[in-house]
C-alpha atoms as a PDB file:
ATOM      1  CA  MET A   1      53.468 -33.604 -15.834  1.00  0.00           C
ATOM      2  CA  SER A   2      53.024 -34.329 -12.139  1.00  0.00           C
ATOM      3  CA  GLN A   3      51.318 -37.406 -10.796  1.00  0.00           C
ATOM      4  CA  HIS A   4      48.480 -35.205  -9.481  1.00  0.00           C
ATOM      5  CA  LEU A   5      47.802 -33.900 -12.987  1.00  0.00           C
ATOM      6  CA  ASP A   6      47.889 -37.451 -14.390  1.00  0.00           C
ATOM      7  CA  VAL A   7      45.332 -38.628 -11.835  1.00  0.00           C
ATOM      8  CA  ALA A   8      43.159 -35.541 -12.370  1.00  0.00           C
ATOM      9  CA  ARG A   9      43.276 -36.033 -16.151  1.00  0.00           C
ATOM     10  CA  SER A  10      42.234 -39.686 -15.718  1.00  0.00           C
ATOM     11  CA  HIS A  11      39.347 -38.527 -13.502  1.00  0.00           C
ATOM     12  CA  LEU A  12      38.305 -36.002 -16.178  1.00  0.00           C
ATOM     13  CA  GLU A  13      38.445 -38.675 -18.888  1.00  0.00           C
ATOM     14  CA  THR A  14      36.171 -40.910 -16.797  1.00  0.00           C
ATOM     15  CA  MET A  15      33.689 -38.048 -16.330  1.00  0.00           C
ATOM     16  CA  ILE A  16      33.729 -37.255 -20.067  1.00  0.00           C
ATOM     17  CA  GLU A  17      33.109 -40.923 -20.907  1.00  0.00           C
ATOM     18  CA  ARG A  18      30.213 -41.149 -18.430  1.00  0.00           C
ATOM     19  CA  VAL A  19      28.594 -37.884 -19.534  1.00  0.00           C
ATOM     20  CA  THR A  20      29.021 -38.443 -23.282  1.00  0.00           C
ATOM     21  CA  GLY A  21      28.716 -42.218 -23.434  1.00  0.00           C
ATOM     22  CA  SER A  22      31.971 -42.422 -25.394  1.00  0.00           C
ATOM     23  CA  GLU A  23      34.322 -45.381 -25.059  1.00  0.00           C
ATOM     24  CA  LYS A  24      37.546 -43.451 -24.551  1.00  0.00           C
ATOM     25  CA  ALA A  25      38.127 -39.729 -24.091  1.00  0.00           C
ATOM     26  CA  VAL A  26      41.314 -38.582 -25.832  1.00  0.00           C
ATOM     27  CA  HIS A  27      42.948 -35.178 -25.527  1.00  0.00           C
ATOM     28  CA  ASP A  28      44.601 -33.195 -28.303  1.00  0.00           C
ATOM     29  CA  HIS A  29      48.276 -32.142 -28.419  1.00  0.00           C
ATOM     30  CA  ASP A  30      47.524 -29.246 -26.016  1.00  0.00           C
ATOM     31  CA  GLY A  31      45.814 -31.494 -23.449  1.00  0.00           C
ATOM     32  CA  ASN A  32      42.332 -30.228 -24.358  1.00  0.00           C
ATOM     33  CA  TYR A  33      39.280 -32.444 -24.760  1.00  0.00           C
ATOM     34  CA  HIS A  34      36.812 -31.297 -27.445  1.00  0.00           C
ATOM     35  CA  LEU A  35      33.147 -31.709 -26.525  1.00  0.00           C
ATOM     36  CA  ASP A  36      30.059 -31.144 -28.623  1.00  0.00           C
ATOM     37  CA  THR A  37      26.408 -30.520 -27.718  1.00  0.00           C
ATOM     38  CA  PRO A  38      23.380 -29.643 -29.803  1.00  0.00           C
ATOM     39  CA  ALA A  39      23.868 -26.135 -28.336  1.00  0.00           C
ATOM     40  CA  GLY A  40      27.497 -25.806 -29.466  1.00  0.00           C
ATOM     41  CA  ARG A  41      31.113 -26.854 -29.093  1.00  0.00           C
ATOM     42  CA  PHE A  42      33.315 -26.432 -26.076  1.00  0.00           C
ATOM     43  CA  PHE A  43      36.485 -27.728 -24.453  1.00  0.00           C
ATOM     44  CA  THR A  44      37.750 -29.019 -21.120  1.00  0.00           C
ATOM     45  CA  ARG A  45      41.149 -29.691 -19.574  1.00  0.00           C
ATOM     46  CA  VAL A  46      43.033 -30.003 -16.296  1.00  0.00           C
ATOM     47  CA  VAL A  47      45.745 -27.465 -15.440  1.00  0.00           C
ATOM     48  CA  GLY A  48      47.649 -26.221 -12.434  1.00  0.00           C
ATOM     49  CA  SER A  49      50.910 -26.304 -10.601  1.00  0.00           C
ATOM     50  CA  GLY A  50      49.117 -26.611  -7.241  1.00  0.00           C
ATOM     51  CA  PRO A  51      45.852 -28.414  -6.838  1.00  0.00           C
ATOM     52  CA  PRO A  52      44.709 -29.464 -10.341  1.00  0.00           C
ATOM     53  CA  ILE A  53      42.005 -27.192 -11.747  1.00  0.00           C
ATOM     54  CA  LEU A  54      39.292 -28.428 -14.113  1.00  0.00           C
ATOM     55  CA  GLN A  55      38.443 -25.879 -16.814  1.00  0.00           C
ATOM     56  CA  VAL A  56      35.446 -25.951 -19.144  1.00  0.00           C
ATOM     57  CA  TRP A  57      35.218 -23.248 -21.822  1.00  0.00           C
ATOM     58  CA  ALA A  58      33.712 -22.294 -25.148  1.00  0.00           C
ATOM     59  CA  VAL A  59      35.127 -20.018 -27.816  1.00  0.00           C
ATOM     60  CA  ILE A  60      32.220 -17.730 -28.643  1.00  0.00           C
ATOM     61  CA  SER A  61      33.976 -15.748 -31.357  1.00  0.00           C
ATOM     62  CA  ASP A  62      37.432 -15.716 -32.965  1.00  0.00           C
ATOM     63  CA  GLY A  63      39.101 -12.755 -34.646  1.00  0.00           C
ATOM     64  CA  VAL A  64      37.586 -10.093 -32.388  1.00  0.00           C
ATOM     65  CA  GLU A  65      39.428  -6.827 -31.899  1.00  0.00           C
ATOM     66  CA  CYS A  66      39.726  -5.630 -28.331  1.00  0.00           C
ATOM     67  CA  SER A  67      38.024  -2.308 -27.642  1.00  0.00           C
ATOM     68  CA  GLU A  68      36.842  -0.335 -24.662  1.00  0.00           C
ATOM     69  CA  ALA A  69      33.230  -1.034 -25.687  1.00  0.00           C
ATOM     70  CA  LEU A  70      33.888  -4.793 -25.842  1.00  0.00           C
ATOM     71  CA  LEU A  71      35.573  -4.892 -22.433  1.00  0.00           C
ATOM     72  CA  THR A  72      32.791  -2.781 -20.923  1.00  0.00           C
ATOM     73  CA  GLU A  73      30.198  -5.209 -22.292  1.00  0.00           C
ATOM     74  CA  LEU A  74      32.100  -8.280 -21.058  1.00  0.00           C
ATOM     75  CA  ASN A  75      32.401  -6.708 -17.608  1.00  0.00           C
ATOM     76  CA  ALA A  76      28.653  -5.992 -17.570  1.00  0.00           C
ATOM     77  CA  ILE A  77      27.947  -9.626 -18.492  1.00  0.00           C
ATOM     78  CA  ASN A  78      30.332 -10.912 -15.798  1.00  0.00           C
ATOM     79  CA  CYS A  79      28.416  -8.888 -13.204  1.00  0.00           C
ATOM     80  CA  ARG A  80      25.326 -10.952 -14.092  1.00  0.00           C
ATOM     81  CA  LEU A  81      27.013 -14.374 -13.946  1.00  0.00           C
ATOM     82  CA  SER A  82      27.589 -16.537 -10.869  1.00  0.00           C
ATOM     83  CA  PHE A  83      29.870 -19.418 -11.796  1.00  0.00           C
ATOM     84  CA  THR A  84      30.939 -18.698 -15.351  1.00  0.00           C
ATOM     85  CA  ARG A  85      32.886 -15.742 -16.663  1.00  0.00           C
ATOM     86  CA  ILE A  86      33.424 -14.230 -20.065  1.00  0.00           C
ATOM     87  CA  ILE A  87      36.803 -12.923 -21.200  1.00  0.00           C
ATOM     88  CA  TRP A  88      38.642 -11.634 -24.264  1.00  0.00           C
ATOM     89  CA  ILE A  89      42.084 -13.119 -24.894  1.00  0.00           C
ATOM     90  CA  ASP A  90      44.222 -13.243 -28.031  1.00  0.00           C
ATOM     91  CA  GLY A  91      41.402 -12.173 -30.336  1.00  0.00           C
ATOM     92  CA  GLN A  92      38.847 -14.574 -28.883  1.00  0.00           C
ATOM     93  CA  ILE A  93      35.811 -14.152 -26.660  1.00  0.00           C
ATOM     94  CA  LEU A  94      35.657 -17.116 -24.260  1.00  0.00           C
ATOM     95  CA  MET A  95      33.034 -18.313 -21.764  1.00  0.00           C
ATOM     96  CA  GLU A  96      34.589 -20.434 -19.014  1.00  0.00           C
ATOM     97  CA  THR A  97      34.160 -21.989 -15.613  1.00  0.00           C
ATOM     98  CA  ASN A  98      36.607 -23.708 -13.246  1.00  0.00           C
ATOM     99  CA  ALA A  99      36.513 -26.162 -10.352  1.00  0.00           C
ATOM    100  CA  LEU A 100      38.922 -28.195  -8.252  1.00  0.00           C
ATOM    101  CA  ALA A 101      39.513 -31.275 -10.396  1.00  0.00           C
ATOM    102  CA  PHE A 102      39.587 -33.864  -7.599  1.00  0.00           C
ATOM    103  CA  ASP A 103      36.450 -32.495  -5.931  1.00  0.00           C
ATOM    104  CA  THR A 104      34.310 -32.452  -9.086  1.00  0.00           C
ATOM    105  CA  THR A 105      31.733 -35.215  -9.468  1.00  0.00           C
ATOM    106  CA  THR A 106      30.360 -36.424 -12.778  1.00  0.00           C
ATOM    107  CA  THR A 107      27.073 -34.652 -12.028  1.00  0.00           C
ATOM    108  CA  GLU A 108      28.907 -31.404 -11.285  1.00  0.00           C
ATOM    109  CA  PHE A 109      30.974 -31.764 -14.469  1.00  0.00           C
ATOM    110  CA  ASP A 110      27.778 -32.268 -16.471  1.00  0.00           C
ATOM    111  CA  MET A 111      26.313 -29.129 -14.855  1.00  0.00           C
ATOM    112  CA  MET A 112      29.506 -27.170 -15.654  1.00  0.00           C
ATOM    113  CA  CYS A 113      29.188 -28.203 -19.310  1.00  0.00           C
ATOM    114  CA  ASP A 114      25.513 -27.201 -19.342  1.00  0.00           C
ATOM    115  CA  GLU A 115      26.314 -23.847 -17.703  1.00  0.00           C
ATOM    116  CA  VAL A 116      29.007 -22.969 -20.248  1.00  0.00           C
ATOM    117  CA  ALA A 117      26.754 -24.073 -23.099  1.00  0.00           C
ATOM    118  CA  SER A 118      23.701 -22.153 -21.897  1.00  0.00           C
ATOM    119  CA  THR A 119      25.549 -18.931 -21.059  1.00  0.00           C
ATOM    120  CA  SER A 120      27.407 -19.060 -24.383  1.00  0.00           C
ATOM    121  CA  ALA A 121      24.104 -19.558 -26.174  1.00  0.00           C
ATOM    122  CA  ALA A 122      22.511 -16.706 -24.239  1.00  0.00           C
ATOM    123  CA  PHE A 123      25.214 -14.086 -24.818  1.00  0.00           C
ATOM    124  CA  GLY A 124      27.152 -15.321 -27.872  1.00  0.00           C
ATOM    125  CA  PRO A 125      24.890 -14.323 -30.764  1.00  0.00           C
ATOM    126  CA  ASP A 126      24.557 -10.707 -29.581  1.00  0.00           C
ATOM    127  CA  LEU A 127      28.309 -10.421 -28.950  1.00  0.00           C
ATOM    128  CA  VAL A 128      29.112 -11.703 -32.443  1.00  0.00           C
ATOM    129  CA  ALA A 129      26.514  -9.391 -33.988  1.00  0.00           C
ATOM    130  CA  THR A 130      27.859  -6.373 -32.076  1.00  0.00           C
ATOM    131  CA  PHE A 131      31.615  -6.982 -32.025  1.00  0.00           C
ATOM    132  CA  GLY A 132      32.146  -9.290 -34.983  1.00  0.00           C
ATOM    133  CA  GLY A 133      34.609 -12.081 -35.428  1.00  0.00           C
ATOM    134  CA  ARG A 134      33.971 -15.590 -36.640  1.00  0.00           C
ATOM    135  CA  PRO A 135      31.349 -17.386 -34.523  1.00  0.00           C
ATOM    136  CA  VAL A 136      32.773 -20.602 -33.119  1.00  0.00           C
ATOM    137  CA  PHE A 137      30.179 -21.616 -30.562  1.00  0.00           C
ATOM    138  CA  VAL A 138      27.322 -22.037 -33.039  1.00  0.00           C
ATOM    139  CA  VAL A 139      23.924 -22.459 -31.426  1.00  0.00           C
ATOM    140  CA  GLU A 140      21.008 -24.303 -32.973  1.00  0.00           C
ATOM    141  CA  GLU A 141      17.727 -22.395 -32.627  1.00  0.00           C
ATOM    142  CA  SER A 142      15.998 -25.346 -30.915  1.00  0.00           C
ATOM    143  CA  ALA A 143      18.723 -25.563 -28.267  1.00  0.00           C
ATOM    144  CA  ARG A 144      18.237 -21.867 -27.404  1.00  0.00           C
ATOM    145  CA  GLN A 145      14.538 -22.280 -26.746  1.00  0.00           C
ATOM    146  CA  GLU A 146      14.468 -25.244 -24.400  1.00  0.00           C
ATOM    147  CA  PRO A 147      16.896 -26.894 -21.988  1.00  0.00           C
ATOM    148  CA  PRO A 148      18.760 -29.936 -23.321  1.00  0.00           C
ATOM    149  CA  SER A 149      17.073 -33.295 -22.821  1.00  0.00           C
ATOM    150  CA  GLN A 150      18.970 -36.347 -21.613  1.00  0.00           C
ATOM    151  CA  SER A 151      19.700 -37.309 -25.249  1.00  0.00           C
ATOM    152  CA  GLN A 152      21.180 -33.845 -25.892  1.00  0.00           C
ATOM    153  CA  ARG A 153      23.909 -34.141 -23.260  1.00  0.00           C
ATOM    154  CA  PRO A 154      27.449 -33.288 -24.392  1.00  0.00           C
ATOM    155  CA  GLY A 155      28.873 -35.661 -26.972  1.00  0.00           C
ATOM    156  CA  TYR A 156      32.517 -36.420 -27.442  1.00  0.00           C
ATOM    157  CA  LEU A 157      34.023 -35.421 -30.814  1.00  0.00           C
END
């Protein structure tokens, strides 16, 4: 791993710790950090061979077969989104957003997490009901109805 990725990962860990209130953010064997909110579970990591890119994503559904109808629906959803995007890859429907890792502030990271959580909550249940698969980003009913309060900010697993 390059020095830039090491520094970017350290920056991400600091943002995770500040946003979640955890003592130490630790990544898994793939370099992913698992985050949890009352609205659902999602992940973040730093990647890139050029400028390091910060990615935040949620797995909406796993075990989904690709079809023309699914891709048409995902494209229609993407046309409605500004900063997030929804994709199908390897049997999973993912909601994700990206930013330049070094330019992302803690406030912006928190907003990225909220955006992925809220868009996953908005579109996920209908996608699972229509196209199947195993729901991964499970949404509590109360989190769907009102925006998260300060105490509902992402928590580190």
